[in-house]
N, C-alpha and C. Protein backbone atom coordinates (compact mmCIF):
# COMPACT_ATOMS: atom_id res chain seq x y z
N UNK A 1 -154.67 -31.07 -61.49
CA UNK A 1 -156.07 -31.76 -61.75
C UNK A 1 -156.61 -30.33 -61.77
N UNK A 2 -156.28 -29.69 -59.98
CA UNK A 2 -156.72 -28.14 -60.21
C UNK A 2 -156.79 -27.06 -61.05
N UNK A 3 -155.26 -27.23 -61.79
CA UNK A 3 -154.62 -26.21 -62.37
C UNK A 3 -156.15 -26.21 -63.81
N UNK A 4 -156.12 -27.35 -64.12
CA UNK A 4 -157.20 -27.49 -64.99
C UNK A 4 -158.60 -27.02 -64.98
N UNK A 5 -159.27 -27.21 -63.66
CA UNK A 5 -160.71 -26.89 -63.19
C UNK A 5 -160.34 -25.04 -63.14
N UNK A 6 -159.36 -24.89 -62.62
CA UNK A 6 -159.36 -23.25 -62.41
C UNK A 6 -158.89 -22.50 -63.79
N UNK A 7 -158.21 -23.07 -64.48
CA UNK A 7 -157.94 -23.05 -66.22
C UNK A 7 -159.68 -22.91 -66.68
N UNK A 8 -160.16 -23.53 -66.67
CA UNK A 8 -161.88 -23.79 -67.24
C UNK A 8 -162.53 -22.56 -66.60
N UNK A 9 -162.70 -22.03 -65.37
CA UNK A 9 -163.16 -21.19 -64.81
C UNK A 9 -163.24 -19.82 -65.84
N UNK A 10 -161.30 -19.51 -65.17
CA UNK A 10 -160.98 -18.47 -65.63
C UNK A 10 -161.44 -17.78 -67.43
N UNK A 11 -160.84 -19.05 -68.14
CA UNK A 11 -161.10 -19.27 -69.79
C UNK A 11 -162.96 -18.96 -70.21
N UNK A 12 -163.56 -19.65 -69.49
CA UNK A 12 -165.06 -19.65 -69.97
C UNK A 12 -165.61 -18.61 -69.13
N UNK A 13 -165.43 -17.65 -68.35
CA UNK A 13 -165.58 -16.41 -67.65
C UNK A 13 -165.20 -15.07 -68.40
N UNK A 14 -166.15 -14.66 -69.27
CA UNK A 14 -165.54 -13.30 -70.08
C UNK A 14 -165.14 -12.05 -68.91
N UNK A 15 -164.76 -11.52 -68.73
CA UNK A 15 -164.03 -10.53 -68.01
C UNK A 15 -163.46 -11.14 -66.74
N UNK A 16 -163.23 -12.18 -66.67
CA UNK A 16 -162.58 -13.19 -65.45
C UNK A 16 -160.74 -12.54 -65.04
N UNK A 17 -160.38 -12.04 -64.03
CA UNK A 17 -159.26 -11.96 -64.02
C UNK A 17 -158.26 -12.84 -63.41
N UNK A 18 -158.58 -13.27 -62.37
CA UNK A 18 -158.17 -14.57 -61.34
C UNK A 18 -158.85 -15.40 -61.04
N UNK A 19 -158.57 -16.86 -60.75
CA UNK A 19 -159.08 -17.32 -59.59
C UNK A 19 -158.46 -18.14 -59.10
N UNK A 20 -158.60 -18.58 -57.64
CA UNK A 20 -157.87 -19.01 -56.54
C UNK A 20 -158.42 -20.07 -56.01
N UNK A 21 -157.62 -21.08 -55.88
CA UNK A 21 -157.94 -21.90 -54.52
C UNK A 21 -157.26 -21.92 -53.51
N UNK A 22 -157.54 -21.51 -52.65
CA UNK A 22 -157.03 -21.39 -51.07
C UNK A 22 -157.47 -21.91 -49.76
N UNK A 23 -157.00 -22.09 -49.05
CA UNK A 23 -157.47 -22.28 -47.85
C UNK A 23 -157.62 -21.24 -46.71
N UNK A 24 -158.70 -21.53 -46.01
CA UNK A 24 -158.95 -20.46 -44.89
C UNK A 24 -157.63 -19.72 -44.03
N UNK A 25 -157.19 -20.79 -44.30
CA UNK A 25 -155.38 -19.78 -43.31
C UNK A 25 -154.81 -19.14 -44.16
N UNK A 26 -155.35 -18.75 -45.71
CA UNK A 26 -154.48 -17.76 -46.68
C UNK A 26 -153.36 -18.79 -47.08
N UNK A 27 -153.25 -19.68 -47.54
CA UNK A 27 -152.16 -20.61 -48.08
C UNK A 27 -152.97 -20.96 -49.50
N UNK A 28 -152.50 -20.43 -50.65
CA UNK A 28 -152.76 -20.45 -52.11
C UNK A 28 -152.39 -21.99 -52.19
N UNK A 29 -153.50 -22.91 -52.61
CA UNK A 29 -152.86 -24.24 -53.20
C UNK A 29 -152.53 -24.29 -54.82
N UNK A 30 -153.44 -23.39 -55.61
CA UNK A 30 -153.18 -22.79 -57.01
C UNK A 30 -154.29 -21.92 -57.42
N UNK A 31 -153.36 -21.26 -58.57
CA UNK A 31 -154.27 -20.02 -59.00
C UNK A 31 -154.00 -19.62 -60.73
N UNK A 32 -155.08 -19.23 -60.55
CA UNK A 32 -154.50 -18.80 -62.72
C UNK A 32 -155.15 -17.01 -62.40
N UNK A 33 -154.54 -16.49 -63.28
CA UNK A 33 -154.73 -15.30 -63.51
C UNK A 33 -154.75 -14.76 -65.40
N UNK A 34 -155.22 -13.52 -65.69
CA UNK A 34 -154.84 -12.97 -66.97
C UNK A 34 -153.67 -11.85 -66.16
N UNK A 35 -152.95 -11.78 -67.04
CA UNK A 35 -151.82 -11.08 -66.75
C UNK A 35 -152.67 -9.43 -66.76
N UNK A 36 -152.29 -9.08 -66.02
CA UNK A 36 -152.70 -7.37 -65.72
C UNK A 36 -152.04 -6.68 -65.24
N UNK A 37 -152.01 -5.20 -65.31
CA UNK A 37 -151.12 -4.19 -64.65
C UNK A 37 -151.71 -4.31 -62.85
N UNK A 38 -150.77 -4.24 -62.21
CA UNK A 38 -151.59 -3.37 -60.82
C UNK A 38 -152.65 -4.43 -59.84
N UNK A 39 -152.58 -5.77 -60.57
CA UNK A 39 -153.79 -7.04 -59.57
C UNK A 39 -152.90 -7.45 -58.48
N UNK A 40 -153.14 -7.48 -57.69
CA UNK A 40 -152.56 -8.39 -56.41
C UNK A 40 -153.90 -9.62 -56.36
N UNK A 41 -154.24 -10.28 -57.17
CA UNK A 41 -155.30 -11.23 -56.87
C UNK A 41 -155.52 -11.89 -55.42
N UNK A 42 -154.20 -12.65 -55.45
CA UNK A 42 -153.57 -13.53 -54.33
C UNK A 42 -153.64 -12.90 -52.56
N UNK A 43 -153.31 -11.43 -52.97
CA UNK A 43 -153.76 -10.64 -51.68
C UNK A 43 -155.28 -10.42 -51.40
N UNK A 44 -156.16 -10.13 -52.64
CA UNK A 44 -157.25 -10.11 -52.25
C UNK A 44 -158.02 -11.16 -52.12
N UNK A 45 -157.64 -12.21 -51.89
CA UNK A 45 -158.28 -13.59 -52.12
C UNK A 45 -158.00 -13.98 -50.45
N UNK A 46 -156.64 -13.71 -50.01
CA UNK A 46 -156.69 -13.86 -48.71
C UNK A 46 -157.36 -13.27 -47.83
N UNK A 47 -157.28 -11.81 -48.08
CA UNK A 47 -158.53 -10.71 -47.11
C UNK A 47 -159.87 -11.44 -47.15
N UNK A 48 -160.06 -11.95 -48.57
CA UNK A 48 -161.58 -11.99 -48.72
C UNK A 48 -161.85 -13.81 -47.65
N UNK A 49 -160.64 -14.18 -47.67
CA UNK A 49 -160.51 -15.83 -46.83
C UNK A 49 -160.94 -15.19 -45.56
N UNK A 50 -160.13 -13.96 -44.94
CA UNK A 50 -160.28 -14.09 -43.51
C UNK A 50 -161.97 -13.02 -43.69
N UNK A 51 -162.39 -12.57 -44.45
CA UNK A 51 -163.82 -12.02 -44.26
C UNK A 51 -165.23 -13.37 -43.76
N UNK A 52 -164.23 -14.24 -44.96
CA UNK A 52 -165.30 -15.65 -45.13
C UNK A 52 -165.22 -16.08 -44.09
N UNK A 53 -164.29 -16.36 -43.13
CA UNK A 53 -164.27 -16.91 -41.97
C UNK A 53 -165.11 -16.42 -40.56
N UNK A 54 -164.91 -14.70 -40.98
CA UNK A 54 -165.47 -14.09 -39.80
C UNK A 54 -167.34 -14.52 -40.26
N UNK A 55 -167.51 -14.50 -41.67
CA UNK A 55 -168.96 -14.65 -41.88
C UNK A 55 -169.39 -16.11 -41.49
N UNK A 56 -168.71 -17.04 -41.61
CA UNK A 56 -168.62 -18.52 -41.12
C UNK A 56 -169.37 -18.30 -39.73
N UNK A 57 -168.20 -18.01 -38.81
CA UNK A 57 -168.43 -17.76 -37.34
C UNK A 57 -170.16 -16.96 -37.12
N UNK A 58 -170.22 -15.78 -37.81
CA UNK A 58 -171.97 -15.28 -37.74
C UNK A 58 -172.58 -16.07 -37.95
N UNK A 59 -172.32 -16.75 -39.19
CA UNK A 59 -173.41 -17.94 -39.45
C UNK A 59 -174.29 -18.78 -38.68
N UNK A 60 -172.94 -19.53 -38.26
CA UNK A 60 -173.21 -20.37 -37.25
C UNK A 60 -173.72 -19.99 -35.77
N UNK A 61 -173.38 -18.64 -35.51
CA UNK A 61 -173.75 -18.23 -34.38
C UNK A 61 -175.72 -17.87 -34.50
N UNK A 62 -175.77 -17.55 -35.67
CA UNK A 62 -177.23 -17.37 -35.94
C UNK A 62 -177.94 -18.13 -36.18
N UNK A 63 -177.48 -19.35 -36.67
CA UNK A 63 -177.89 -20.67 -36.80
C UNK A 63 -178.55 -20.67 -38.29
N UNK A 64 -178.07 -19.96 -39.22
CA UNK A 64 -178.65 -20.06 -40.48
C UNK A 64 -178.05 -20.74 -41.42
N UNK A 65 -177.35 -21.32 -41.07
CA UNK A 65 -176.17 -22.59 -41.61
C UNK A 65 -175.13 -21.85 -42.15
N UNK A 66 -174.45 -23.17 -43.46
CA UNK A 66 -173.44 -22.21 -43.85
C UNK A 66 -173.54 -21.58 -45.36
N UNK A 67 -172.35 -20.53 -45.09
CA UNK A 67 -172.42 -19.55 -46.09
C UNK A 67 -171.72 -20.60 -47.38
N UNK A 68 -172.88 -20.58 -48.44
CA UNK A 68 -172.56 -21.36 -49.39
C UNK A 68 -172.17 -20.37 -50.59
N UNK A 69 -171.77 -18.84 -50.64
CA UNK A 69 -171.05 -18.20 -51.62
C UNK A 69 -171.48 -16.87 -50.99
N UNK A 70 -170.25 -15.82 -51.22
CA UNK A 70 -170.62 -14.66 -51.33
C UNK A 70 -169.91 -13.75 -52.31
N UNK A 71 -170.60 -12.43 -52.64
CA UNK A 71 -169.90 -11.97 -53.73
C UNK A 71 -169.40 -10.27 -53.00
N UNK A 72 -168.48 -9.54 -53.25
CA UNK A 72 -167.82 -8.51 -52.99
C UNK A 72 -167.82 -7.65 -54.33
N UNK A 73 -168.42 -6.50 -54.29
CA UNK A 73 -168.52 -5.65 -55.42
C UNK A 73 -167.65 -4.07 -55.32
N UNK A 74 -166.61 -4.11 -55.93
CA UNK A 74 -166.18 -2.92 -55.48
C UNK A 74 -166.63 -1.99 -57.07
N UNK A 75 -165.83 -0.83 -57.20
CA UNK A 75 -165.70 0.04 -58.51
C UNK A 75 -164.93 -0.75 -59.57
N UNK A 76 -164.21 -1.61 -59.30
CA UNK A 76 -163.35 -2.12 -60.39
C UNK A 76 -163.77 -3.84 -60.43
N UNK A 77 -164.12 -4.35 -59.56
CA UNK A 77 -163.66 -5.71 -59.69
C UNK A 77 -165.07 -6.29 -58.81
N UNK A 78 -165.40 -7.34 -59.38
CA UNK A 78 -166.52 -8.10 -58.44
C UNK A 78 -165.70 -9.54 -58.17
N UNK A 79 -165.79 -10.19 -56.82
CA UNK A 79 -165.06 -11.17 -56.94
C UNK A 79 -166.29 -12.10 -55.82
N UNK A 80 -166.48 -13.38 -56.28
CA UNK A 80 -167.13 -14.49 -55.78
C UNK A 80 -166.30 -15.48 -54.71
N UNK A 81 -166.58 -15.54 -54.10
CA UNK A 81 -166.14 -16.62 -53.14
C UNK A 81 -166.72 -17.75 -52.32
N UNK A 82 -166.58 -19.13 -52.78
CA UNK A 82 -167.30 -20.39 -52.54
C UNK A 82 -167.04 -21.02 -51.84
N UNK A 83 -167.21 -21.50 -50.42
CA UNK A 83 -166.54 -22.35 -49.47
C UNK A 83 -166.72 -23.69 -49.93
N UNK A 84 -165.47 -24.47 -50.27
CA UNK A 84 -165.64 -26.08 -50.60
C UNK A 84 -165.42 -27.01 -49.93
N UNK A 85 -165.35 -26.47 -48.43
CA UNK A 85 -164.76 -27.33 -47.22
C UNK A 85 -164.67 -26.54 -46.53
N UNK A 86 -164.56 -27.09 -44.66
CA UNK A 86 -164.34 -25.93 -43.70
C UNK A 86 -162.83 -25.47 -44.11
N UNK A 87 -162.28 -26.21 -44.40
CA UNK A 87 -160.60 -25.54 -44.81
C UNK A 87 -160.55 -24.42 -46.02
N UNK A 88 -161.24 -25.03 -47.03
CA UNK A 88 -160.76 -24.36 -48.43
C UNK A 88 -162.06 -23.72 -49.07
N UNK A 89 -161.26 -22.34 -50.40
CA UNK A 89 -162.46 -21.86 -51.15
C UNK A 89 -161.74 -21.69 -52.37
N UNK A 90 -162.92 -21.66 -53.34
CA UNK A 90 -162.41 -21.15 -54.17
C UNK A 90 -162.96 -19.46 -54.50
N UNK A 91 -162.41 -18.72 -55.32
CA UNK A 91 -161.89 -17.33 -55.47
C UNK A 91 -162.27 -16.87 -56.91
N UNK A 92 -163.02 -16.36 -57.47
CA UNK A 92 -163.08 -15.94 -58.53
C UNK A 92 -163.58 -13.69 -58.62
N UNK A 93 -162.09 -13.44 -59.21
CA UNK A 93 -162.23 -12.07 -59.44
C UNK A 93 -162.29 -12.05 -60.60
N UNK A 94 -163.53 -10.53 -61.20
CA UNK A 94 -163.77 -10.38 -63.12
C UNK A 94 -163.94 -8.74 -62.50
N UNK A 95 -163.54 -8.56 -63.77
CA UNK A 95 -163.67 -7.16 -63.73
C UNK A 95 -165.45 -6.17 -63.80
N UNK A 96 -165.14 -4.95 -63.85
CA UNK A 96 -166.62 -4.38 -63.29
C UNK A 96 -167.91 -5.05 -64.38
N UNK A 97 -167.25 -5.49 -66.12
CA UNK A 97 -168.24 -5.74 -66.75
C UNK A 97 -168.14 -7.32 -67.17
N UNK A 98 -167.79 -7.82 -66.27
CA UNK A 98 -167.62 -9.43 -66.49
C UNK A 98 -169.17 -10.05 -66.69
N UNK A 99 -168.87 -10.92 -66.88
CA UNK A 99 -170.35 -11.85 -67.21
C UNK A 99 -170.36 -12.71 -65.88
N UNK A 100 -170.66 -11.82 -64.30
CA UNK A 100 -170.81 -12.44 -63.22
C UNK A 100 -171.42 -13.69 -63.08
N UNK A 101 -172.83 -13.81 -63.75
CA UNK A 101 -173.74 -15.16 -63.66
C UNK A 101 -172.70 -16.33 -63.88
N UNK A 102 -171.89 -16.23 -65.33
CA UNK A 102 -171.34 -17.11 -65.73
C UNK A 102 -170.27 -17.68 -64.72
N UNK A 103 -169.87 -17.03 -64.21
CA UNK A 103 -168.30 -16.98 -63.16
C UNK A 103 -169.17 -17.89 -62.25
N UNK A 104 -170.34 -17.28 -61.67
CA UNK A 104 -171.01 -18.27 -60.07
C UNK A 104 -171.41 -19.54 -60.87
N UNK A 105 -171.42 -19.36 -61.77
CA UNK A 105 -172.03 -21.11 -62.50
C UNK A 105 -171.04 -21.40 -62.39
N UNK A 106 -170.57 -21.42 -62.97
CA UNK A 106 -168.74 -21.99 -62.92
C UNK A 106 -168.04 -22.54 -62.26
N UNK A 107 -168.05 -21.98 -61.15
CA UNK A 107 -167.84 -22.24 -59.94
C UNK A 107 -168.81 -23.46 -59.36
N UNK A 108 -170.23 -23.00 -59.39
CA UNK A 108 -170.88 -23.94 -58.55
C UNK A 108 -170.94 -25.36 -59.43
N UNK A 109 -170.16 -25.48 -60.94
CA UNK A 109 -170.14 -26.66 -61.45
C UNK A 109 -168.56 -27.31 -60.99
N UNK A 110 -167.65 -26.33 -60.87
CA UNK A 110 -166.71 -26.88 -60.78
C UNK A 110 -166.11 -27.12 -59.41
N UNK A 111 -166.96 -26.62 -58.56
CA UNK A 111 -166.40 -26.59 -57.23
C UNK A 111 -166.76 -28.21 -56.71
N UNK A 112 -167.83 -28.87 -56.51
CA UNK A 112 -167.39 -30.40 -56.40
C UNK A 112 -166.71 -31.32 -56.46
N UNK A 113 -165.85 -30.86 -57.93
CA UNK A 113 -164.88 -31.54 -59.13
C UNK A 113 -163.71 -30.91 -57.84
N UNK A 114 -163.30 -29.79 -57.66
CA UNK A 114 -162.34 -29.48 -56.72
C UNK A 114 -162.40 -29.95 -55.49
N UNK A 115 -163.67 -29.80 -54.44
CA UNK A 115 -164.08 -30.44 -53.41
C UNK A 115 -163.30 -32.00 -53.52
N UNK A 116 -163.20 -32.64 -54.73
CA UNK A 116 -163.21 -34.09 -54.42
C UNK A 116 -161.70 -34.21 -54.49
N UNK A 117 -161.23 -33.70 -55.27
CA UNK A 117 -159.69 -33.54 -55.25
C UNK A 117 -159.05 -33.13 -54.20
N UNK A 118 -159.70 -32.26 -52.80
CA UNK A 118 -158.92 -31.99 -52.15
C UNK A 118 -159.29 -33.15 -51.10
N UNK A 119 -160.04 -33.66 -51.15
CA UNK A 119 -160.33 -34.99 -50.40
C UNK A 119 -159.50 -36.04 -50.22
């Protein structure tokens, strides 16, 4: 079931290059990617998971509530990370000219379904 949902996000987000369901411990549950040279998408998701863990701690310390989503934009990629539970997140990496709004929307729609499958 994870694969079908991840495929839906990847195929329906123009410019998407990879989507990963991963634990904050760095272990990938499932991922999908568009074949492209030079992409270490899983490695990127692992590093962003580490950042997300730190941001969760900061947010808790400040009392501002749970992190619902964060975006990292570089010269070549935009990656949106959306926590699903305290243990798992989904990350979508897109090319610079991708439709990031559509990707964010699809993560919001698919996220609860992924969460339901994780429980």
